Amino acid sequence: MSTQNIIHLHGLFVILSLVLFSLRGYWMLRECPALQARWVKIAPHIIDTMLLLTALWAAWILFWSHGSHPTFMTVKIIGLIVYIGLGIVALKRGKTKAIRLTAFIAALCVYAYLMAVGITMRAVPFAS
């Protein structure tokens, strides 16, 4: 598989992750029973695993196999862990709806930051 195909595949999982996370967050806020459907509990694990695997695959091909370890890659990996952690609080572990909503918004902010890092390939994407 070409590098370009891997990057496009990763992009697909980036979008799927956001769409499903947003949908689940909406359902959580509305206390919708659809959130309890089996596919809703399984699909995020598959999507996020593929998101991580395609990210690591692309990082290997583009950087790590050449001995390069750019800072933005470390930031993206740590950011992904933070995004997942906030997602867990937002959708499962938050004790109150206010805590879940705060974690949901924070996760979306981390997602936006990670998108900017990925596009600019800079750990501080908003600086000139």
Protein backbone atom coordinates (compact mmCIF):
# COMPACT_ATOMS: atom_id res chain seq x y z
CA MET A 1 0.00 0.00 0.00
CA SER A 2 1.38 3.41 -0.91
CA THR A 3 2.12 6.11 1.64
CA GLN A 4 -0.59 8.29 0.13
CA ASN A 5 -3.16 5.50 0.53
CA ILE A 6 -2.19 5.01 4.18
CA ILE A 7 -2.56 8.73 4.83
CA HIS A 8 -5.98 8.74 3.15
CA LEU A 9 -7.05 5.69 5.13
CA HIS A 10 -5.91 7.42 8.33
CA GLY A 11 -7.92 10.49 7.30
CA LEU A 12 -11.00 8.32 6.88
CA PHE A 13 -10.65 7.00 10.43
CA VAL A 14 -10.05 10.53 11.72
CA ILE A 15 -13.39 11.62 10.25
CA LEU A 16 -15.23 8.46 11.35
CA SER A 17 -13.92 8.92 14.88
CA LEU A 18 -15.18 12.50 15.03
CA VAL A 19 -18.57 11.70 13.52
CA LEU A 20 -19.24 8.76 15.83
CA PHE A 21 -17.88 10.55 18.90
CA SER A 22 -20.07 13.58 18.15
CA LEU A 23 -23.12 11.39 17.62
CA ARG A 24 -22.49 9.49 20.85
CA GLY A 25 -21.98 12.78 22.70
CA TYR A 26 -25.26 14.11 21.36
CA TRP A 27 -27.03 10.91 22.39
CA MET A 28 -25.42 11.09 25.84
CA LEU A 29 -26.66 14.65 26.37
CA ARG A 30 -30.17 13.69 25.19
CA GLU A 31 -30.10 10.45 27.23
CA CYS A 32 -31.03 8.57 24.08
CA PRO A 33 -31.38 4.78 24.34
CA ALA A 34 -29.53 4.40 21.02
CA LEU A 35 -26.33 4.91 23.01
CA GLN A 36 -26.84 1.42 24.45
CA ALA A 37 -26.97 -0.34 21.07
CA ARG A 38 -24.37 -3.07 20.62
CA TRP A 39 -22.84 -1.58 17.46
CA VAL A 40 -22.46 1.78 19.25
CA LYS A 41 -20.40 0.06 21.93
CA ILE A 42 -18.21 -1.90 19.47
CA ALA A 43 -17.64 0.43 16.50
CA PRO A 44 -15.65 3.11 18.38
CA HIS A 45 -13.09 0.52 19.51
CA ILE A 46 -12.61 -0.69 15.95
CA ILE A 47 -12.43 2.82 14.50
CA ASP A 48 -10.04 4.16 17.15
CA THR A 49 -7.81 1.08 16.88
CA MET A 50 -7.60 1.56 13.12
CA LEU A 51 -7.00 5.28 13.67
CA LEU A 52 -4.03 4.50 15.89
CA LEU A 53 -2.67 1.72 13.66
CA THR A 54 -2.81 3.81 10.50
CA ALA A 55 -1.19 6.72 12.35
CA LEU A 56 1.67 4.51 13.55
CA TRP A 57 2.03 2.96 10.08
CA ALA A 58 2.24 6.39 8.44
CA ALA A 59 4.67 7.62 11.10
CA TRP A 60 6.87 4.59 10.50
CA ILE A 61 6.96 5.07 6.74
CA LEU A 62 7.36 8.84 6.79
CA PHE A 63 9.65 9.38 9.77
CA TRP A 64 10.68 6.61 12.11
CA SER A 65 12.12 4.24 9.51
CA HIS A 66 14.47 7.06 8.49
CA GLY A 67 15.59 7.73 12.05
CA SER A 68 13.56 10.93 12.35
CA HIS A 69 11.45 11.55 15.44
CA PRO A 70 9.70 14.90 14.96
CA THR A 71 8.23 16.56 18.04
CA PHE A 72 4.80 16.92 16.48
CA MET A 73 4.48 13.11 16.32
CA THR A 74 5.04 12.83 20.07
CA VAL A 75 2.47 15.58 20.61
CA LYS A 76 -0.03 13.73 18.41
CA ILE A 77 0.42 10.45 20.29
CA ILE A 78 0.03 12.12 23.69
CA GLY A 79 -2.92 14.14 22.36
CA LEU A 80 -4.63 10.98 21.13
CA ILE A 81 -4.33 9.48 24.61
CA VAL A 82 -5.81 12.67 26.13
CA TYR A 83 -8.65 12.63 23.54
CA ILE A 84 -9.48 9.02 24.39
CA GLY A 85 -9.33 9.73 28.14
CA LEU A 86 -11.66 12.70 27.83
CA GLY A 87 -13.96 10.61 25.65
CA ILE A 88 -14.17 7.96 28.37
CA VAL A 89 -15.09 10.60 30.95
CA ALA A 90 -17.60 12.20 28.57
CA LEU A 91 -19.39 9.01 27.61
CA LYS A 92 -18.91 6.60 30.51
CA ARG A 93 -17.15 7.76 33.66
CA GLY A 94 -18.44 11.30 34.21
CA LYS A 95 -20.60 11.27 37.34
CA THR A 96 -22.78 14.22 36.35
CA LYS A 97 -24.03 15.55 33.05
CA ALA A 98 -22.02 18.76 33.65
CA ILE A 99 -18.81 16.76 34.00
CA ARG A 100 -19.64 14.71 30.91
CA LEU A 101 -20.46 17.84 28.89
CA THR A 102 -17.22 19.54 29.98
CA ALA A 103 -15.18 16.46 29.05
CA PHE A 104 -17.03 16.21 25.71
CA ILE A 105 -16.24 19.83 24.81
CA ALA A 106 -12.63 19.41 25.97
CA ALA A 107 -12.28 16.27 23.82
CA LEU A 108 -13.56 18.16 20.78
CA CYS A 109 -11.03 20.95 21.49
CA VAL A 110 -8.21 18.40 21.72
CA TYR A 111 -9.44 16.87 18.46
CA ALA A 112 -9.32 20.29 16.74
CA TYR A 113 -5.81 20.87 18.10
CA LEU A 114 -4.66 17.46 16.84
CA MET A 115 -6.10 18.19 13.41
CA ALA A 116 -4.16 21.47 13.30
CA VAL A 117 -0.97 19.69 14.40
CA GLY A 118 -1.47 17.04 11.73
CA ILE A 119 -2.05 19.59 8.99
CA THR A 120 0.81 21.94 9.91
CA MET A 121 3.18 19.25 11.24
CA ARG A 122 4.05 21.63 14.08
CA ALA A 123 3.53 21.04 17.81
CA VAL A 124 2.33 24.64 18.15
CA PRO A 125 0.23 24.98 15.01
CA PHE A 126 -1.25 28.40 15.76
CA ALA A 127 2.07 30.22 16.25
CA SER A 128 3.64 32.08 13.36
